């Protein structure tokens, strides 16, 4: 996994599990709105809603996106 420049030293994203925006934003070099737009276009992993106000992303899908953001396509997009 490539670590973005704004990620704290030693920061890692677990391979398994789910993460909220606050946990993944240090690895994503764009704004939350840009992520939302890419989600709608199928170019970023889709979020899952645990509750009405709690959204999470699959860590495995985030790792796939980090490995190849230009060619990533969300399943079912």
C-alpha atoms as a PDB file:
ATOM      1  CA  UNK A   1       0.000   0.000   0.000  1.00  0.00           C
ATOM      2  CA  UNK A   2       1.349   3.401  -0.917  1.00  0.00           C
ATOM      3  CA  UNK A   3       1.141   5.897   1.917  1.00  0.00           C
ATOM      4  CA  UNK A   4       0.126   9.397   0.931  1.00  0.00           C
ATOM      5  CA  UNK A   5       2.247  12.385   1.909  1.00  0.00           C
ATOM      6  CA  UNK A   6      -0.348  13.651   4.394  1.00  0.00           C
ATOM      7  CA  UNK A   7      -0.506  10.320   6.265  1.00  0.00           C
ATOM      8  CA  UNK A   8       1.193  10.304   9.672  1.00  0.00           C
ATOM      9  CA  UNK A   9       4.497   8.417   9.853  1.00  0.00           C
ATOM     10  CA  UNK A  10       3.800   4.765  10.534  1.00  0.00           C
ATOM     11  CA  UNK A  11       0.107   5.065   9.647  1.00  0.00           C
ATOM     12  CA  UNK A  12      -1.377   1.927   8.164  1.00  0.00           C
ATOM     13  CA  UNK A  13      -4.835   0.882   7.118  1.00  0.00           C
ATOM     14  CA  UNK A  14      -5.825  -2.646   8.189  1.00  0.00           C
ATOM     15  CA  UNK A  15      -6.397  -5.018   5.275  1.00  0.00           C
ATOM     16  CA  UNK A  16      -9.673  -6.364   6.670  1.00  0.00           C
ATOM     17  CA  UNK A  17     -12.606  -4.621   8.242  1.00  0.00           C
ATOM     18  CA  UNK A  18     -14.425  -1.366   7.764  1.00  0.00           C
ATOM     19  CA  UNK A  19     -13.243   2.197   8.316  1.00  0.00           C
ATOM     20  CA  UNK A  20     -14.964   5.554   8.661  1.00  0.00           C
ATOM     21  CA  UNK A  21     -13.929   8.694   6.775  1.00  0.00           C
ATOM     22  CA  UNK A  22     -11.743   9.963   9.633  1.00  0.00           C
ATOM     23  CA  UNK A  23      -9.696   6.770   9.435  1.00  0.00           C
ATOM     24  CA  UNK A  24      -9.201   6.679   5.655  1.00  0.00           C
ATOM     25  CA  UNK A  25      -8.889  10.368   4.774  1.00  0.00           C
ATOM     26  CA  UNK A  26      -5.156  10.421   5.543  1.00  0.00           C
ATOM     27  CA  UNK A  27      -4.650   7.875   2.730  1.00  0.00           C
ATOM     28  CA  UNK A  28      -6.949   9.580   0.202  1.00  0.00           C
ATOM     29  CA  UNK A  29      -5.448  12.634  -1.597  1.00  0.00           C
ATOM     30  CA  UNK A  30      -8.784  14.342  -2.292  1.00  0.00           C
ATOM     31  CA  UNK A  31     -11.730  15.989  -0.597  1.00  0.00           C
ATOM     32  CA  UNK A  32     -14.783  14.178   0.716  1.00  0.00           C
ATOM     33  CA  UNK A  33     -16.889  15.698  -2.083  1.00  0.00           C
ATOM     34  CA  UNK A  34     -14.465  14.428  -4.739  1.00  0.00           C
ATOM     35  CA  UNK A  35     -14.691  10.965  -3.175  1.00  0.00           C
ATOM     36  CA  UNK A  36     -18.499  11.166  -3.271  1.00  0.00           C
ATOM     37  CA  UNK A  37     -18.475  12.127  -6.944  1.00  0.00           C
ATOM     38  CA  UNK A  38     -16.102   9.283  -7.800  1.00  0.00           C
ATOM     39  CA  UNK A  39     -18.300   6.854  -5.838  1.00  0.00           C
ATOM     40  CA  UNK A  40     -21.287   7.861  -7.948  1.00  0.00           C
ATOM     41  CA  UNK A  41     -19.236   7.314 -11.113  1.00  0.00           C
ATOM     42  CA  UNK A  42     -18.010   3.889  -9.896  1.00  0.00           C
ATOM     43  CA  UNK A  43     -14.389   5.102  -9.668  1.00  0.00           C
ATOM     44  CA  UNK A  44     -14.066   4.784  -5.869  1.00  0.00           C
ATOM     45  CA  UNK A  45     -15.273   2.107  -3.432  1.00  0.00           C
ATOM     46  CA  UNK A  46     -18.903   2.527  -2.416  1.00  0.00           C
ATOM     47  CA  UNK A  47     -19.645   3.381   1.173  1.00  0.00           C
ATOM     48  CA  UNK A  48     -21.943   1.259   3.302  1.00  0.00           C
ATOM     49  CA  UNK A  49     -24.319   2.796   5.821  1.00  0.00           C
ATOM     50  CA  UNK A  50     -24.360   1.126   9.213  1.00  0.00           C
ATOM     51  CA  UNK A  51     -26.920   3.661  10.442  1.00  0.00           C
ATOM     52  CA  UNK A  52     -28.510   6.738   8.905  1.00  0.00           C
ATOM     53  CA  UNK A  53     -25.471   8.841   9.865  1.00  0.00           C
ATOM     54  CA  UNK A  54     -22.642   6.282  10.019  1.00  0.00           C
ATOM     55  CA  UNK A  55     -20.958   5.428   6.711  1.00  0.00           C
ATOM     56  CA  UNK A  56     -17.998   3.061   6.333  1.00  0.00           C
ATOM     57  CA  UNK A  57     -15.804   1.766   3.511  1.00  0.00           C
ATOM     58  CA  UNK A  58     -14.345  -1.693   3.055  1.00  0.00           C
ATOM     59  CA  UNK A  59     -10.626  -1.615   3.829  1.00  0.00           C
ATOM     60  CA  UNK A  60      -9.982  -4.246   1.127  1.00  0.00           C
ATOM     61  CA  UNK A  61     -11.622  -2.023  -1.497  1.00  0.00           C
ATOM     62  CA  UNK A  62      -9.712   1.046  -0.289  1.00  0.00           C
ATOM     63  CA  UNK A  63      -6.464  -0.924  -0.654  1.00  0.00           C
ATOM     64  CA  UNK A  64      -7.465  -1.904  -4.217  1.00  0.00           C
ATOM     65  CA  UNK A  65      -8.179   1.752  -5.013  1.00  0.00           C
ATOM     66  CA  UNK A  66      -4.857   2.915  -3.501  1.00  0.00           C
ATOM     67  CA  UNK A  67      -2.983   0.320  -5.586  1.00  0.00           C
ATOM     68  CA  UNK A  68      -4.456   1.596  -8.878  1.00  0.00           C
ATOM     69  CA  UNK A  69      -6.715   4.674  -8.550  1.00  0.00           C
ATOM     70  CA  UNK A  70      -6.769   5.391 -12.305  1.00  0.00           C
ATOM     71  CA  UNK A  71      -8.110   1.975 -13.300  1.00  0.00           C
ATOM     72  CA  UNK A  72     -10.227   1.141 -10.230  1.00  0.00           C
ATOM     73  CA  UNK A  73     -13.842   0.234 -10.928  1.00  0.00           C
ATOM     74  CA  UNK A  74     -16.314  -0.507  -8.120  1.00  0.00           C
ATOM     75  CA  UNK A  75     -18.153  -3.798  -8.352  1.00  0.00           C
ATOM     76  CA  UNK A  76     -21.587  -3.410  -9.880  1.00  0.00           C
ATOM     77  CA  UNK A  77     -20.734  -0.017 -11.412  1.00  0.00           C
END
